[in-house]
Amino acid sequence: MRKTVLHLLAGLTALLALTACNTVQGVGQDIQAGGRAIERAAR
């Protein structure tokens, strides 16, 4: 029982870590796109 709970927690932690990485990457891409738009507008 205890091993099952630990495995479940480890799996959920890994899933959350992977989701957070994808979210951070998406935010970075959005910021880059915004920066490019500002550069184009400043020209």
PDB file of N, CA and C in Angstrom:
ATOM      1  N   MET A   1       0.822  -1.194   0.000  1.00  0.00           N
ATOM      2  CA  MET A   1       0.000   0.000   0.000  1.00  0.00           C
ATOM      3  C   MET A   1       0.866   1.258   0.000  1.00  0.00           C
ATOM      4  N   ARG A   2       1.872   1.269   0.860  1.00  0.00           N
ATOM      5  CA  ARG A   2       2.730   2.447   0.974  1.00  0.00           C
ATOM      6  C   ARG A   2       3.521   2.682  -0.313  1.00  0.00           C
ATOM      7  N   LYS A   3       4.004   1.593  -0.933  1.00  0.00           N
ATOM      8  CA  LYS A   3       4.740   1.721  -2.191  1.00  0.00           C
ATOM      9  C   LYS A   3       3.840   2.258  -3.291  1.00  0.00           C
ATOM     10  N   THR A   4       2.601   1.829  -3.300  1.00  0.00           N
ATOM     11  CA  THR A   4       1.654   2.296  -4.316  1.00  0.00           C
ATOM     12  C   THR A   4       1.436   3.802  -4.187  1.00  0.00           C
ATOM     13  N   VAL A   5       1.288   4.276  -2.971  1.00  0.00           N
ATOM     14  CA  VAL A   5       1.089   5.708  -2.746  1.00  0.00           C
ATOM     15  C   VAL A   5       2.337   6.482  -3.171  1.00  0.00           C
ATOM     16  N   LEU A   6       3.513   5.967  -2.839  1.00  0.00           N
ATOM     17  CA  LEU A   6       4.754   6.636  -3.224  1.00  0.00           C
ATOM     18  C   LEU A   6       4.914   6.678  -4.740  1.00  0.00           C
ATOM     19  N   HIS A   7       4.579   5.574  -5.414  1.00  0.00           N
ATOM     20  CA  HIS A   7       4.654   5.552  -6.876  1.00  0.00           C
ATOM     21  C   HIS A   7       3.674   6.548  -7.486  1.00  0.00           C
ATOM     22  N   LEU A   8       2.496   6.623  -6.933  1.00  0.00           N
ATOM     23  CA  LEU A   8       1.495   7.565  -7.427  1.00  0.00           C
ATOM     24  C   LEU A   8       1.972   9.008  -7.240  1.00  0.00           C
ATOM     25  N   LEU A   9       2.514   9.318  -6.084  1.00  0.00           N
ATOM     26  CA  LEU A   9       3.028  10.664  -5.834  1.00  0.00           C
ATOM     27  C   LEU A   9       4.200  10.994  -6.752  1.00  0.00           C
ATOM     28  N   ALA A  10       5.074  10.035  -6.988  1.00  0.00           N
ATOM     29  CA  ALA A  10       6.207  10.262  -7.886  1.00  0.00           C
ATOM     30  C   ALA A  10       5.721  10.526  -9.306  1.00  0.00           C
ATOM     31  N   GLY A  11       4.734   9.782  -9.749  1.00  0.00           N
ATOM     32  CA  GLY A  11       4.176   9.983 -11.082  1.00  0.00           C
ATOM     33  C   GLY A  11       3.515  11.339 -11.227  1.00  0.00           C
ATOM     34  N   LEU A  12       2.755  11.742 -10.227  1.00  0.00           N
ATOM     35  CA  LEU A  12       2.100  13.052 -10.268  1.00  0.00           C
ATOM     36  C   LEU A  12       3.119  14.189 -10.247  1.00  0.00           C
ATOM     37  N   THR A  13       4.171  14.019  -9.471  1.00  0.00           N
ATOM     38  CA  THR A  13       5.220  15.038  -9.418  1.00  0.00           C
ATOM     39  C   THR A  13       5.900  15.182 -10.772  1.00  0.00           C
ATOM     40  N   ALA A  14       6.202  14.057 -11.411  1.00  0.00           N
ATOM     41  CA  ALA A  14       6.824  14.099 -12.735  1.00  0.00           C
ATOM     42  C   ALA A  14       5.898  14.758 -13.751  1.00  0.00           C
ATOM     43  N   LEU A  15       4.632  14.431 -13.688  1.00  0.00           N
ATOM     44  CA  LEU A  15       3.658  15.020 -14.609  1.00  0.00           C
ATOM     45  C   LEU A  15       3.571  16.532 -14.421  1.00  0.00           C
ATOM     46  N   LEU A  16       3.528  16.982 -13.187  1.00  0.00           N
ATOM     47  CA  LEU A  16       3.473  18.419 -12.916  1.00  0.00           C
ATOM     48  C   LEU A  16       4.743  19.125 -13.383  1.00  0.00           C
ATOM     49  N   ALA A  17       5.886  18.480 -13.208  1.00  0.00           N
ATOM     50  CA  ALA A  17       7.150  19.087 -13.644  1.00  0.00           C
ATOM     51  C   ALA A  17       7.174  19.247 -15.157  1.00  0.00           C
ATOM     52  N   LEU A  18       6.723  18.232 -15.879  1.00  0.00           N
ATOM     53  CA  LEU A  18       6.698  18.313 -17.339  1.00  0.00           C
ATOM     54  C   LEU A  18       5.711  19.364 -17.814  1.00  0.00           C
ATOM     55  N   THR A  19       4.585  19.454 -17.172  1.00  0.00           N
ATOM     56  CA  THR A  19       3.584  20.453 -17.533  1.00  0.00           C
ATOM     57  C   THR A  19       4.126  21.856 -17.289  1.00  0.00           C
ATOM     58  N   ALA A  20       4.806  22.049 -16.191  1.00  0.00           N
ATOM     59  CA  ALA A  20       5.373  23.363 -15.877  1.00  0.00           C
ATOM     60  C   ALA A  20       6.412  23.761 -16.909  1.00  0.00           C
ATOM     61  N   CYS A  21       7.231  22.815 -17.360  1.00  0.00           N
ATOM     62  CA  CYS A  21       8.239  23.124 -18.376  1.00  0.00           C
ATOM     63  C   CYS A  21       7.573  23.595 -19.657  1.00  0.00           C
ATOM     64  N   ASN A  22       6.535  22.918 -20.086  1.00  0.00           N
ATOM     65  CA  ASN A  22       5.844  23.317 -21.310  1.00  0.00           C
ATOM     66  C   ASN A  22       5.190  24.675 -21.144  1.00  0.00           C
ATOM     67  N   THR A  23       4.659  24.957 -19.986  1.00  0.00           N
ATOM     68  CA  THR A  23       4.015  26.244 -19.738  1.00  0.00           C
ATOM     69  C   THR A  23       5.038  27.371 -19.781  1.00  0.00           C
ATOM     70  N   VAL A  24       6.180  27.173 -19.151  1.00  0.00           N
ATOM     71  CA  VAL A  24       7.236  28.187 -19.140  1.00  0.00           C
ATOM     72  C   VAL A  24       7.747  28.421 -20.556  1.00  0.00           C
ATOM     73  N   GLN A  25       7.890  27.361 -21.325  1.00  0.00           N
ATOM     74  CA  GLN A  25       8.346  27.494 -22.708  1.00  0.00           C
ATOM     75  C   GLN A  25       7.341  28.311 -23.516  1.00  0.00           C
ATOM     76  N   GLY A  26       6.067  28.058 -23.329  1.00  0.00           N
ATOM     77  CA  GLY A  26       5.032  28.797 -24.043  1.00  0.00           C
ATOM     78  C   GLY A  26       5.027  30.270 -23.680  1.00  0.00           C
ATOM     79  N   VAL A  27       5.231  30.570 -22.407  1.00  0.00           N
ATOM     80  CA  VAL A  27       5.292  31.967 -21.972  1.00  0.00           C
ATOM     81  C   VAL A  27       6.496  32.652 -22.609  1.00  0.00           C
ATOM     82  N   GLY A  28       7.612  31.957 -22.662  1.00  0.00           N
ATOM     83  CA  GLY A  28       8.808  32.521 -23.292  1.00  0.00           C
ATOM     84  C   GLY A  28       8.575  32.838 -24.761  1.00  0.00           C
ATOM     85  N   GLN A  29       7.882  31.964 -25.456  1.00  0.00           N
ATOM     86  CA  GLN A  29       7.581  32.203 -26.869  1.00  0.00           C
ATOM     87  C   GLN A  29       6.645  33.394 -27.025  1.00  0.00           C
ATOM     88  N   ASP A  30       5.678  33.531 -26.146  1.00  0.00           N
ATOM     89  CA  ASP A  30       4.761  34.673 -26.199  1.00  0.00           C
ATOM     90  C   ASP A  30       5.508  35.985 -25.967  1.00  0.00           C
ATOM     91  N   ILE A  31       6.433  35.987 -25.022  1.00  0.00           N
ATOM     92  CA  ILE A  31       7.205  37.198 -24.736  1.00  0.00           C
ATOM     93  C   ILE A  31       8.080  37.559 -25.936  1.00  0.00           C
ATOM     94  N   GLN A  32       8.685  36.540 -26.563  1.00  0.00           N
ATOM     95  CA  GLN A  32       9.493  36.792 -27.759  1.00  0.00           C
ATOM     96  C   GLN A  32       8.650  37.401 -28.870  1.00  0.00           C
ATOM     97  N   ALA A  33       7.482  36.857 -29.091  1.00  0.00           N
ATOM     98  CA  ALA A  33       6.599  37.372 -30.142  1.00  0.00           C
ATOM     99  C   ALA A  33       6.203  38.818 -29.841  1.00  0.00           C
ATOM    100  N   GLY A  34       5.942  39.122 -28.598  1.00  0.00           N
ATOM    101  CA  GLY A  34       5.617  40.495 -28.210  1.00  0.00           C
ATOM    102  C   GLY A  34       6.792  41.433 -28.443  1.00  0.00           C
ATOM    103  N   GLY A  35       7.988  40.981 -28.129  1.00  0.00           N
ATOM    104  CA  GLY A  35       9.192  41.788 -28.361  1.00  0.00           C
ATOM    105  C   GLY A  35       9.408  42.064 -29.837  1.00  0.00           C
ATOM    106  N   ARG A  36       9.176  41.049 -30.663  1.00  0.00           N
ATOM    107  CA  ARG A  36       9.314  41.244 -32.117  1.00  0.00           C
ATOM    108  C   ARG A  36       8.301  42.260 -32.626  1.00  0.00           C
ATOM    109  N   ALA A  37       7.091  42.190 -32.128  1.00  0.00           N
ATOM    110  CA  ALA A  37       6.058  43.140 -32.552  1.00  0.00           C
ATOM    111  C   ALA A  37       6.440  44.568 -32.156  1.00  0.00           C
ATOM    112  N   ILE A  38       7.009  44.736 -30.977  1.00  0.00           N
ATOM    113  CA  ILE A  38       7.442  46.067 -30.535  1.00  0.00           C
ATOM    114  C   ILE A  38       8.583  46.568 -31.419  1.00  0.00           C
ATOM    115  N   GLU A  39       9.532  45.675 -31.748  1.00  0.00           N
ATOM    116  CA  GLU A  39      10.639  46.069 -32.625  1.00  0.00           C
ATOM    117  C   GLU A  39      10.126  46.513 -33.989  1.00  0.00           C
ATOM    118  N   ARG A  40       9.179  45.780 -34.547  1.00  0.00           N
ATOM    119  CA  ARG A  40       8.628  46.142 -35.861  1.00  0.00           C
ATOM    120  C   ARG A  40       7.910  47.486 -35.791  1.00  0.00           C
ATOM    121  N   ALA A  41       7.191  47.720 -34.709  1.00  0.00           N
ATOM    122  CA  ALA A  41       6.456  48.978 -34.569  1.00  0.00           C
ATOM    123  C   ALA A  41       7.406  50.162 -34.380  1.00  0.00           C
ATOM    124  N   ALA A  42       8.572  49.918 -33.792  1.00  0.00           N
ATOM    125  CA  ALA A  42       9.523  50.998 -33.535  1.00  0.00           C
ATOM    126  C   ALA A  42      10.288  51.405 -34.794  1.00  0.00           C
ATOM    127  N   ARG A  43      10.279  50.594 -35.820  1.00  0.00           N
ATOM    128  CA  ARG A  43      11.030  50.909 -37.054  1.00  0.00           C
ATOM    129  C   ARG A  43      10.377  51.965 -37.846  1.00  0.00           C
TER     130      ARG A  43
END
